[in-house]
Amino acid sequence: QVQLVESGGGLVQPGGSLRLSCAGSGFAFSSYAMQWYRQAPGQQRELVAHISSAGGSTNYPDSVKGRFTISRDNAKNTMYLQMSSLKPEDTAVYYCSAITAQTRFWGQGTQVTVSS
């Protein structure tokens, strides 16, 4: 069955860094564009990074541009989100998602807390 499993979340101090991973299985990982979303308590889910299926194109909202970097290794069926200069407002559950024009899969999420 289709699985997306996030890992790497945790507690980090403001200004710190974390790298999230998302491992996919049960589908043709390299054929899917991949995205990271986040959702803070009481807030709507927000797209924070997008990468094309081959990894040649990435996009970020202004809120994370220059601080977050999305990447993928199709040989390992894994996507990453390198987060640096973290701020308390980055605190949220982070979800990975695999998409095509017809299909979307979601992971279960990993908590990131930025606090001193």
Protein backbone atom coordinates (compact mmCIF):
# COMPACT_ATOMS: atom_id res chain seq x y z
CA GLN A 1 0.00 0.00 0.00
CA VAL A 2 0.98 3.62 -0.44
CA GLN A 3 3.01 5.04 2.42
CA LEU A 4 4.67 8.38 3.09
CA VAL A 5 6.59 8.44 6.34
CA GLU A 6 8.03 11.67 7.70
CA SER A 7 10.85 11.79 10.22
CA GLY A 8 13.32 14.26 11.69
CA GLY A 9 11.03 16.55 13.61
CA GLY A 10 11.71 17.68 17.14
CA LEU A 11 12.45 20.60 19.43
CA VAL A 12 14.97 23.18 18.28
CA GLN A 13 16.00 26.61 19.54
CA PRO A 14 15.31 29.74 17.49
CA GLY A 15 18.03 30.15 14.89
CA GLY A 16 18.65 26.43 14.77
CA SER A 17 18.33 23.89 11.97
CA LEU A 18 16.51 20.64 11.30
CA ARG A 19 16.29 18.28 8.36
CA LEU A 20 13.04 16.47 7.72
CA SER A 21 12.84 13.32 5.61
CA CYS A 22 9.90 11.76 3.80
CA ALA A 23 10.22 8.16 2.63
CA GLY A 24 7.76 6.94 0.03
CA SER A 25 6.72 3.41 -0.87
CA GLY A 26 3.97 1.62 -2.76
CA PHE A 27 3.86 4.06 -5.67
CA ALA A 28 6.07 5.34 -8.50
CA PHE A 29 7.89 7.93 -6.39
CA SER A 30 9.92 9.40 -9.26
CA SER A 31 6.74 10.15 -11.24
CA TYR A 32 5.27 12.38 -8.55
CA ALA A 33 5.94 15.98 -7.69
CA MET A 34 6.45 16.30 -3.96
CA GLN A 35 5.48 18.97 -1.46
CA TRP A 36 5.92 19.88 2.17
CA TYR A 37 3.04 21.45 4.03
CA ARG A 38 2.73 22.61 7.61
CA GLN A 39 -0.17 23.21 9.94
CA ALA A 40 -0.01 25.14 13.18
CA PRO A 41 -2.76 24.83 15.81
CA GLY A 42 -5.86 26.72 14.71
CA GLN A 43 -4.35 27.50 11.33
CA GLN A 44 -4.95 26.26 7.80
CA ARG A 45 -2.48 23.87 6.23
CA GLU A 46 0.17 25.90 4.39
CA LEU A 47 2.37 24.87 1.47
CA VAL A 48 6.03 25.52 2.32
CA ALA A 49 7.94 23.82 -0.49
CA HIS A 50 7.41 22.11 -3.85
CA ILE A 51 9.75 20.06 -5.98
CA SER A 52 9.14 18.64 -9.42
CA SER A 53 9.27 14.91 -10.10
CA ALA A 54 12.85 14.99 -11.41
CA GLY A 55 13.95 17.57 -8.87
CA GLY A 56 14.82 20.26 -11.38
CA SER A 57 12.28 22.82 -10.21
CA THR A 58 11.53 24.06 -6.70
CA ASN A 59 9.21 26.70 -5.27
CA TYR A 60 8.79 28.32 -1.86
CA PRO A 61 6.52 30.94 -0.33
CA ASP A 62 8.13 34.14 0.86
CA SER A 63 7.72 33.05 4.50
CA VAL A 64 10.42 30.37 4.14
CA LYS A 65 12.37 31.41 1.03
CA GLY A 66 16.08 31.52 1.71
CA ARG A 67 15.71 29.47 4.91
CA PHE A 68 14.19 26.18 3.70
CA THR A 69 15.54 23.92 0.96
CA ILE A 70 13.61 21.02 -0.54
CA SER A 71 15.42 18.17 -2.27
CA ARG A 72 14.82 14.59 -3.29
CA ASP A 73 16.71 11.39 -4.03
CA ASN A 74 14.61 9.32 -6.40
CA ALA A 75 17.00 6.38 -6.10
CA LYS A 76 16.10 6.23 -2.40
CA ASN A 77 12.43 7.22 -2.80
CA THR A 78 13.06 9.96 -0.27
CA MET A 79 12.45 13.69 -0.08
CA TYR A 80 14.04 16.14 2.33
CA LEU A 81 13.40 19.55 3.81
CA GLN A 82 16.44 21.33 5.20
CA MET A 83 15.27 24.09 7.54
CA SER A 84 17.61 26.72 8.90
CA SER A 85 17.31 30.00 10.81
CA LEU A 86 14.20 28.56 12.39
CA LYS A 87 11.73 30.90 14.06
CA PRO A 88 9.04 30.25 16.67
CA GLU A 89 6.44 30.85 13.96
CA ASP A 90 7.80 27.81 12.10
CA THR A 91 6.32 25.64 14.86
CA ALA A 92 3.81 23.26 13.27
CA VAL A 93 3.15 19.71 12.19
CA TYR A 94 4.95 19.19 8.89
CA TYR A 95 3.41 16.91 6.29
CA CYS A 96 4.80 15.55 3.05
CA SER A 97 2.60 15.00 0.04
CA ALA A 98 3.01 13.28 -3.31
CA ILE A 99 0.95 14.64 -6.19
CA THR A 100 0.05 14.16 -9.82
CA ALA A 101 -2.77 15.80 -11.75
CA GLN A 102 -5.06 12.98 -10.62
CA THR A 103 -3.78 11.83 -7.25
CA ARG A 104 -2.50 13.10 -3.90
CA PHE A 105 -1.05 11.11 -1.04
CA TRP A 106 -0.29 12.41 2.46
CA GLY A 107 2.04 11.37 5.22
CA GLN A 108 1.08 11.32 8.88
CA GLY A 109 3.11 14.38 9.83
CA THR A 110 6.01 15.19 12.12
CA GLN A 111 6.02 17.85 14.83
CA VAL A 112 8.52 20.69 14.67
CA THR A 113 8.71 22.97 17.70
CA VAL A 114 10.92 26.05 17.72
CA SER A 115 11.32 27.35 21.25
CA SER A 116 13.96 28.43 23.73
